[in-house]
Structures are given as structure tokens and as C-alpha cells.
Amino acid sequence: MLSGNNERDAPMIDLNEMQCFAHICEARSFTVAAQRLGLPKSSVSRALTRLEDRLGVRLIERTTRSLMLTEAGELYLERCRRMLEEAEQADLAIGAMHAQPRGLLRLATSVPFARFAVGPVLGEFLSAYPEVRVDLQLVGGENRATDPAPDIVIGPHPSPDSTLRATPLFKIRLATYASPGYLAGRRMPKQPADLREHHCITAHCGGPGLPAGFASWRMRRGATRQEVSFEPRVTVADPSIGYQVALSGGGIAAIKPEAARSDVEAGRLIRLLPDWELEPLQLYALHPSRLSASPKVNAFLTFLRERYGDGRDDWGLARASARRAAGERLPGAAPAPGRPMEQVD
């Protein structure tokens, strides 16, 4: 209840109404919000109406086809989420002292990292924590945000967002490989700069100071560092597909030595520039600071640190787990006001 001289006349703040409003905005649907809250749809609709009546403003415009967040709704949602997060954090701070990890854990990562970093060990995590359920969201490019927001994002870059904490997991070691068929009749590269004469396969283009359509590999040999920029012949977001292109003779790809070992031994791939390797790619687990006391988040972060060597340049158990995975060869918000949310149901 709001405090003040006229306390008896002050309106009551109902967190349940705020929670219903936040879930409607997150789900973009009355029906889905009701399902997530375990309430009848009519109860969720009435809660929003009571909230709007108490505030004296329209938060969501409802039409026969869509829901649209108003300007007042956007302003209120931002502060509403903060209050709900603080309430959740208060519960977590007490509950974390004795609670078992349980509930839905939302993870987000790209397809390649899901295949080799999360998938091979997820079953073991679920066996260790039987009361935890996992929603693994696959995102593209730069790990774009999803809705609802994930609890943990696995990615190669620490976030500049001050509300996120970054936990180093491990470093991905890569080297350059090509098939004998591709190399037949071509000059073998002897220095990193020689890669410019070849068909290279990369996961992405662009970067600071690079022309459009160009990529860059940073390579090291002991204390020596060289950066080679080139126009790739093939650009593909999933390194496992780049691996297949290299096997089929399409060019030179950056591949994990562990993953390439069997094909090298069988003569299907040849490691190029054997004294050189690419700068290792550091993988991070990012999570909101407000979830630092969450038992399920802490359990998963601890599990990843134990499996992946706490950020060191090794693979730990994940190496063996990835080799056992079914035949996979692997290299390495609320809408703006006035924008449709979803058809009204």
C-alpha cells in the first residue's frame, strides 16, 4: 500500500495485475499469458482492465486483430518489469539458501555452439537436476535477443550491457585444413599471407576496417601474430557446413584439430601451415545480474565451468562428449508503441 497522510484513501498496488500485464506484453497474447500464469484467460483480461482503471490510462490498445502497446504502456512496462524483477530477486535471495534448482531454464545460443557446447552435456545436466526443464533457443548471427529473454546466453563475446555478467567457459582452438582434391595442382601455402591466393571458407564477413565482403583470420605461431584479410569463396554461418565444404574440395576451412583428427588420419583432410593456428575463440556464458542468486542459473554455470575447464584453453569432458555425439563433425523486448503485437485471440 502506498504510504502518506491519506493512507486509507491511497490505491492498493497489486503485483498480480502488474504480473499479468507484463506477461501479456511478453507473450503478445492473452491466451498464452493465461497459460503461463495458470489462470483463466478471463482473469488475465480483467486484471489488465483493473490495472488500467486504477492508473486511469490505456496501456494496451486492443483491436479485433492485434494488441498494440501504447506510449503509456511502454513507459509503465519498463518500470513494472523492474518492480517484478526486484520482487523475484527478493524471493531468490532467501530461497537460494536452501532451494533445489527447479523450474524452466531458458538458454540461448547459435546452432554451432548448441551442437558442440550445449547438446553433448545437456543430458548429463538434466540427469543431475531432475526438477529443471530447459528451453534451448537457437539464435543467429550475433546472438540476437529473443522474447521471452533467456536466462543464459552462450556466445563468443562478452556483452557491453552492464546488466549482464560474463562467465568465461573455454577457448576454441582452430587451424586451417583442406582436402587433397582441392590442393591438387595448387601451390601449398607456406605463410599466412599465402591464404589470399586460395578459396577460403569463413563463418562471417565484415569487421572493423575491412571492406564489404572481406573476412579476416588472426593467426599465431608462438609469440608471432599475423592477420590475414581476404575475400572468402564461401561464407556460411554454421562451421559444420564449412567443414563439409572443405571435405568436398571447396576450399580451406578453419576447423578444430580435435574434430579433424579422424579425417586427417584417413587422408581426407590435410592440415595447412602446421606451425600456425588461429587465435582461439573465447566462449562466454552471459546472464542478467538479477539472476545471480537463481539456483537453476548457478547450477548450470557451475556445471559448465566444471565441464569446460573454467575458461582455460582445453576441452575437458566436452571433448569426449562431443566425439560421442551422434556422428556430428564440428569445427569448432517489448514492441515499440503502436507496433502490432499479435492477433487477439
Protein backbone atom coordinates (compact mmCIF):
# COMPACT_ATOMS: atom_id res chain seq x y z
CA MET A 1 0.00 0.00 0.00
CA LEU A 2 1.22 3.48 -0.80
CA SER A 3 2.27 5.44 2.28
CA GLY A 4 1.29 9.01 3.10
CA ASN A 5 -1.05 11.17 5.12
CA ASN A 6 -4.10 9.81 3.33
CA GLU A 7 -3.06 6.17 3.60
CA ARG A 8 -6.61 4.93 3.97
CA ASP A 9 -7.55 6.53 0.64
CA ALA A 10 -4.38 5.50 -1.20
CA PRO A 11 -4.78 2.95 -4.01
CA MET A 12 -3.51 -0.56 -3.45
CA ILE A 13 -0.69 -1.68 -5.72
CA ASP A 14 -1.49 -5.19 -6.93
CA LEU A 15 1.59 -7.09 -8.10
CA ASN A 16 -0.67 -9.73 -9.64
CA GLU A 17 -2.12 -7.14 -12.02
CA MET A 18 1.37 -5.95 -12.92
CA GLN A 19 2.47 -9.54 -13.49
CA CYS A 20 -0.49 -10.17 -15.80
CA PHE A 21 0.31 -7.01 -17.76
CA ALA A 22 3.98 -7.99 -18.13
CA HIS A 23 3.08 -11.50 -19.28
CA ILE A 24 0.58 -10.18 -21.84
CA CYS A 25 3.31 -7.94 -23.28
CA GLU A 26 5.88 -10.74 -23.22
CA ALA A 27 3.58 -13.36 -24.76
CA ARG A 28 1.84 -10.87 -27.09
CA SER A 29 -1.31 -12.86 -26.42
CA PHE A 30 -3.94 -13.05 -23.68
CA THR A 31 -4.28 -16.80 -24.18
CA VAL A 32 -0.55 -17.57 -23.94
CA ALA A 33 -0.16 -15.24 -20.94
CA ALA A 34 -3.00 -17.03 -19.18
CA GLN A 35 -1.43 -20.42 -19.90
CA ARG A 36 1.93 -19.33 -18.50
CA LEU A 37 0.29 -17.94 -15.38
CA GLY A 38 -2.02 -20.92 -14.93
CA LEU A 39 -5.08 -18.66 -14.91
CA PRO A 40 -8.26 -18.43 -16.98
CA LYS A 41 -7.98 -16.03 -19.88
CA SER A 42 -10.88 -14.01 -18.45
CA SER A 43 -8.95 -13.47 -15.19
CA VAL A 44 -5.94 -12.12 -17.09
CA SER A 45 -8.16 -9.79 -19.12
CA ARG A 46 -9.92 -8.50 -16.00
CA ALA A 47 -6.58 -7.93 -14.26
CA LEU A 48 -5.44 -5.70 -17.14
CA THR A 49 -8.73 -3.79 -17.07
CA ARG A 50 -8.45 -3.21 -13.30
CA LEU A 51 -4.87 -2.01 -13.71
CA GLU A 52 -5.83 0.44 -16.47
CA ASP A 53 -8.80 1.68 -14.41
CA ARG A 54 -6.59 2.27 -11.38
CA LEU A 55 -3.96 4.12 -13.42
CA GLY A 56 -6.52 6.00 -15.48
CA VAL A 57 -4.72 5.32 -18.77
CA ARG A 58 -4.89 2.83 -21.60
CA LEU A 59 -1.82 0.56 -21.55
CA ILE A 60 -2.67 -1.74 -24.47
CA GLU A 61 -4.91 -0.95 -27.42
CA ARG A 62 -7.00 -4.00 -28.31
CA THR A 63 -8.46 -4.42 -31.77
CA THR A 64 -10.07 -7.40 -33.44
CA ARG A 65 -6.73 -8.33 -35.00
CA SER A 66 -3.91 -7.13 -32.79
CA LEU A 67 -2.63 -5.81 -29.49
CA MET A 68 -0.65 -2.56 -29.52
CA LEU A 69 1.36 -1.21 -26.62
CA THR A 70 0.61 2.48 -26.04
CA GLU A 71 3.21 5.07 -25.14
CA ALA A 72 1.98 4.99 -21.54
CA GLY A 73 2.07 1.19 -21.69
CA GLU A 74 5.70 1.16 -22.80
CA LEU A 75 6.66 3.56 -20.01
CA TYR A 76 4.78 1.54 -17.40
CA LEU A 77 6.09 -1.81 -18.64
CA GLU A 78 9.71 -0.75 -18.16
CA ARG A 79 9.10 0.15 -14.51
CA CYS A 80 6.71 -2.72 -13.98
CA ARG A 81 9.40 -5.20 -15.02
CA ARG A 82 11.89 -3.62 -12.63
CA MET A 83 9.49 -4.00 -9.72
CA LEU A 84 8.69 -7.61 -10.60
CA GLU A 85 12.39 -8.40 -11.00
CA GLU A 86 13.12 -6.90 -7.59
CA ALA A 87 10.32 -8.99 -6.08
CA GLU A 88 11.73 -12.09 -7.78
CA GLN A 89 15.24 -11.23 -6.61
CA ALA A 90 14.00 -10.86 -3.02
CA ASP A 91 12.49 -14.34 -3.16
CA LEU A 92 15.60 -15.78 -4.80
CA ALA A 93 17.93 -14.23 -2.23
CA ILE A 94 16.12 -16.11 0.54
CA GLY A 95 15.24 -19.23 -1.41
CA ALA A 96 18.74 -19.73 -2.79
CA MET A 97 20.00 -20.51 0.69
CA HIS A 98 18.19 -23.83 0.69
CA ALA A 99 16.38 -24.26 -2.63
CA GLN A 100 16.94 -27.05 -5.11
CA PRO A 101 17.38 -25.89 -8.72
CA ARG A 102 13.98 -26.24 -10.36
CA GLY A 103 11.75 -24.72 -12.99
CA LEU A 104 12.28 -23.62 -16.59
CA LEU A 105 15.82 -22.58 -17.58
CA ARG A 106 15.91 -20.60 -20.83
CA LEU A 107 19.18 -20.98 -22.73
CA ALA A 108 20.06 -19.21 -25.99
CA THR A 109 22.96 -19.83 -28.34
CA SER A 110 23.79 -20.24 -32.01
CA VAL A 111 23.30 -23.54 -33.82
CA PRO A 112 27.05 -24.44 -33.86
CA PHE A 113 27.52 -23.76 -30.14
CA ALA A 114 24.30 -25.65 -29.37
CA ARG A 115 25.64 -28.64 -31.27
CA PHE A 116 29.05 -28.93 -29.73
CA ALA A 117 28.98 -26.96 -26.45
CA VAL A 118 25.49 -27.44 -25.04
CA GLY A 119 23.97 -30.51 -26.66
CA PRO A 120 26.71 -33.02 -25.75
CA VAL A 121 26.44 -32.28 -22.00
CA LEU A 122 22.82 -31.19 -21.58
CA GLY A 123 21.58 -34.71 -20.86
CA GLU A 124 24.04 -35.07 -18.00
CA PHE A 125 22.92 -31.75 -16.53
CA LEU A 126 19.26 -32.76 -16.69
CA SER A 127 20.07 -36.08 -15.00
CA ALA A 128 21.83 -34.23 -12.19
CA TYR A 129 18.94 -31.77 -11.74
CA PRO A 130 15.68 -33.64 -12.44
CA GLU A 131 13.46 -30.71 -11.42
CA VAL A 132 14.92 -28.38 -14.06
CA ARG A 133 13.36 -28.06 -17.52
CA VAL A 134 15.29 -26.46 -20.40
CA ASP A 135 14.10 -24.28 -23.28
CA LEU A 136 17.05 -24.13 -25.71
CA GLN A 137 16.55 -21.19 -28.07
CA LEU A 138 18.60 -21.16 -31.27
CA VAL A 139 19.55 -17.67 -32.37
CA GLY A 140 21.59 -16.42 -35.29
CA GLY A 141 24.41 -14.04 -36.08
CA GLU A 142 25.38 -12.03 -33.04
CA ASN A 143 23.13 -13.90 -30.61
CA ARG A 144 20.22 -11.53 -31.04
CA ALA A 145 17.85 -11.21 -28.11
CA THR A 146 14.80 -13.45 -28.01
CA ASP A 147 11.39 -12.97 -26.41
CA PRO A 148 11.00 -14.02 -23.65
CA ALA A 149 14.51 -13.08 -22.67
CA PRO A 150 16.83 -16.04 -21.97
CA ASP A 151 18.32 -16.69 -18.55
CA ILE A 152 21.72 -17.59 -20.07
CA VAL A 153 23.22 -16.79 -23.47
CA ILE A 154 26.19 -18.82 -24.72
CA GLY A 155 28.27 -16.77 -27.14
CA PRO A 156 31.74 -15.66 -28.22
CA HIS A 157 31.59 -12.07 -26.98
CA PRO A 158 31.20 -10.51 -23.53
CA SER A 159 28.25 -8.11 -23.59
CA PRO A 160 28.68 -4.33 -23.18
CA ASP A 161 25.34 -4.43 -21.34
CA SER A 162 26.14 -3.66 -17.69
CA THR A 163 23.18 -5.74 -16.53
CA LEU A 164 24.79 -8.93 -17.87
CA ARG A 165 27.56 -10.90 -16.23
CA ALA A 166 30.03 -12.86 -18.37
CA THR A 167 31.45 -16.19 -17.23
CA PRO A 168 34.37 -17.46 -19.38
CA LEU A 169 33.82 -21.09 -20.39
CA PHE A 170 36.65 -22.22 -22.65
CA LYS A 171 38.63 -21.33 -25.76
CA ILE A 172 38.02 -22.88 -29.17
CA ARG A 173 41.29 -23.78 -30.90
CA LEU A 174 41.20 -23.72 -34.72
CA ALA A 175 43.62 -24.50 -37.56
CA THR A 176 43.36 -24.46 -41.35
CA TYR A 177 42.52 -27.59 -43.35
CA ALA A 178 41.77 -28.54 -46.95
CA SER A 179 41.17 -31.75 -48.89
CA PRO A 180 43.80 -33.37 -51.16
CA GLY A 181 41.42 -32.87 -54.08
CA TYR A 182 41.33 -29.12 -53.54
CA LEU A 183 45.11 -28.87 -53.11
CA ALA A 184 45.89 -30.87 -56.27
CA GLY A 185 47.56 -28.53 -58.76
CA ARG A 186 47.64 -25.61 -56.31
CA ARG A 187 50.62 -24.09 -54.52
CA MET A 188 50.72 -25.12 -50.88
CA PRO A 189 50.58 -22.07 -48.57
CA LYS A 190 53.83 -21.54 -46.66
CA GLN A 191 52.90 -18.31 -44.84
CA PRO A 192 49.52 -16.99 -43.63
CA ALA A 193 49.59 -14.33 -46.38
CA ASP A 194 49.54 -17.13 -48.97
CA LEU A 195 45.95 -17.91 -47.96
CA ARG A 196 44.86 -14.92 -50.04
CA GLU A 197 45.64 -16.97 -53.17
CA HIS A 198 43.19 -19.70 -52.13
CA HIS A 199 39.46 -20.30 -51.77
CA CYS A 200 38.77 -19.76 -48.07
CA ILE A 201 35.64 -20.73 -46.17
CA THR A 202 34.56 -18.48 -43.29
CA ALA A 203 31.72 -18.18 -40.82
CA HIS A 204 31.17 -14.46 -41.37
CA CYS A 205 32.37 -11.38 -43.21
CA GLY A 206 32.92 -7.85 -42.06
CA GLY A 207 34.74 -6.33 -39.12
CA PRO A 208 36.49 -3.10 -38.20
CA GLY A 209 38.48 -1.70 -41.11
CA LEU A 210 37.52 -4.46 -43.55
CA PRO A 211 35.97 -3.80 -46.96
CA ALA A 212 32.50 -5.14 -47.56
CA GLY A 213 32.58 -8.85 -48.35
CA PHE A 214 36.01 -9.40 -46.79
CA ALA A 215 36.93 -11.56 -43.81
CA SER A 216 39.95 -11.80 -41.56
CA TRP A 217 41.84 -14.60 -39.81
CA ARG A 218 44.18 -13.73 -36.94
CA MET A 219 46.90 -16.36 -36.76
CA ARG A 220 49.65 -17.08 -34.27
CA ARG A 221 52.87 -19.07 -34.11
CA GLY A 222 54.32 -18.87 -30.65
CA ALA A 223 54.67 -15.17 -29.88
CA THR A 224 54.30 -14.17 -33.55
CA ARG A 225 50.92 -12.81 -34.67
CA GLN A 226 49.71 -12.15 -38.21
CA GLU A 227 46.31 -11.04 -39.50
CA VAL A 228 45.26 -12.04 -42.99
CA SER A 229 42.30 -10.37 -44.71
CA PHE A 230 40.78 -11.94 -47.82
CA GLU A 231 37.61 -12.22 -49.87
CA PRO A 232 36.14 -15.64 -48.96
CA ARG A 233 34.90 -18.01 -51.63
CA VAL A 234 32.25 -19.39 -49.25
CA THR A 235 30.63 -17.73 -46.24
CA VAL A 236 28.39 -19.90 -44.07
CA ALA A 237 27.15 -19.23 -40.54
CA ASP A 238 27.39 -22.87 -39.43
CA PRO A 239 31.05 -24.04 -39.22
CA SER A 240 29.95 -27.66 -39.50
CA ILE A 241 28.75 -26.92 -43.04
CA GLY A 242 32.03 -25.17 -43.78
CA TYR A 243 33.73 -28.38 -42.64
CA GLN A 244 31.68 -30.36 -45.17
CA VAL A 245 32.51 -27.89 -47.93
CA ALA A 246 36.23 -28.33 -47.19
CA LEU A 247 35.87 -32.13 -47.22
CA SER A 248 34.20 -31.94 -50.62
CA GLY A 249 37.07 -29.90 -52.08
CA GLY A 250 35.52 -26.44 -51.86
CA GLY A 251 38.45 -24.70 -50.20
CA ILE A 252 40.28 -24.06 -46.93
CA ALA A 253 38.31 -24.01 -43.66
CA ALA A 254 39.11 -23.21 -40.04
CA ILE A 255 38.43 -26.43 -38.09
CA LYS A 256 39.09 -27.68 -34.58
CA PRO A 257 42.10 -30.07 -34.63
CA GLU A 258 40.19 -32.50 -32.41
CA ALA A 259 37.29 -32.62 -34.85
CA ALA A 260 39.53 -33.00 -37.91
CA ARG A 261 41.73 -35.77 -36.47
CA SER A 262 39.92 -38.76 -37.96
CA ASP A 263 39.71 -37.19 -41.43
CA VAL A 264 43.39 -36.25 -41.30
CA GLU A 265 44.34 -39.79 -40.30
CA ALA A 266 42.18 -41.17 -43.14
CA GLY A 267 43.79 -38.80 -45.66
CA ARG A 268 40.58 -36.88 -46.36
CA LEU A 269 41.97 -33.61 -44.94
CA ILE A 270 45.43 -32.05 -44.75
CA ARG A 271 46.41 -29.51 -42.13
CA LEU A 272 47.93 -26.41 -43.69
CA LEU A 273 50.53 -24.15 -42.06
CA PRO A 274 51.06 -26.72 -39.27
CA ASP A 275 53.11 -24.27 -37.19
CA TRP A 276 50.26 -21.77 -37.22
CA GLU A 277 46.82 -21.73 -35.64
CA LEU A 278 44.05 -19.17 -35.49
CA GLU A 279 43.66 -17.03 -32.39
CA PRO A 280 41.48 -19.08 -30.02
CA LEU A 281 37.86 -18.01 -29.76
CA GLN A 282 36.75 -17.44 -26.15
CA LEU A 283 33.27 -18.66 -25.34
CA TYR A 284 31.21 -16.97 -22.60
CA ALA A 285 28.04 -17.60 -20.65
CA LEU A 286 26.09 -14.35 -20.23
CA HIS A 287 23.30 -13.92 -17.70
CA PRO A 288 21.44 -10.99 -16.12
CA SER A 289 22.91 -9.76 -12.85
CA ARG A 290 19.48 -10.03 -11.26
CA LEU A 291 19.63 -13.83 -11.67
CA SER A 292 22.92 -14.19 -9.81
CA ALA A 293 21.10 -15.80 -6.87
CA SER A 294 18.95 -18.10 -9.02
CA PRO A 295 19.63 -21.75 -8.08
CA LYS A 296 18.96 -23.04 -11.60
CA VAL A 297 21.26 -20.44 -13.20
CA ASN A 298 24.03 -21.02 -10.67
CA ALA A 299 23.72 -24.79 -11.09
CA PHE A 300 24.10 -24.56 -14.87
CA LEU A 301 27.01 -22.10 -14.72
CA THR A 302 28.81 -24.30 -12.18
CA PHE A 303 28.16 -27.33 -14.37
CA LEU A 304 29.61 -25.59 -17.45
CA ARG A 305 32.69 -24.38 -15.55
CA GLU A 306 33.37 -27.91 -14.30
CA ARG A 307 32.97 -29.41 -17.77
CA TYR A 308 34.86 -26.79 -19.74
CA GLY A 309 37.86 -26.00 -17.58
CA ASP A 310 36.77 -22.58 -16.23
CA GLY A 311 37.95 -20.67 -19.30
CA ARG A 312 41.27 -22.46 -19.85
CA ASP A 313 42.46 -23.46 -23.30
CA ASP A 314 41.32 -27.06 -23.02
CA TRP A 315 38.21 -29.10 -23.63
CA GLY A 316 37.81 -31.29 -20.53
CA LEU A 317 34.90 -33.69 -20.61
CA ALA A 318 33.28 -31.84 -23.50
CA ARG A 319 35.89 -33.23 -25.90
CA ALA A 320 34.87 -36.80 -25.18
CA SER A 321 31.18 -35.91 -25.06
CA ALA A 322 31.34 -34.19 -28.44
CA ARG A 323 33.08 -37.22 -30.00
CA ARG A 324 30.33 -39.44 -28.66
CA ALA A 325 27.58 -37.20 -30.09
CA ALA A 326 25.76 -38.90 -32.94
CA GLY A 327 28.24 -38.65 -35.76
CA GLU A 328 28.49 -34.86 -35.72
CA ARG A 329 31.71 -33.36 -37.09
CA LEU A 330 32.06 -29.88 -35.77
CA PRO A 331 34.70 -27.23 -36.06
CA GLY A 332 34.93 -25.77 -33.58
CA ALA A 333 11.77 -6.79 -25.58
CA ALA A 334 8.78 -5.32 -25.76
CA PRO A 335 7.41 -3.99 -29.07
CA ALA A 336 7.57 -0.26 -29.70
CA PRO A 337 4.38 1.67 -29.12
CA GLY A 338 1.92 1.37 -31.95
CA ARG A 339 3.53 -1.78 -33.40
CA PRO A 340 1.29 -4.86 -33.68
CA MET A 341 1.97 -7.48 -31.02
CA GLU A 342 -0.16 -10.39 -32.18
CA GLN A 343 -3.64 -11.23 -33.29
CA VAL A 344 -6.12 -11.01 -30.44
CA ASP A 345 -7.31 -14.46 -29.52
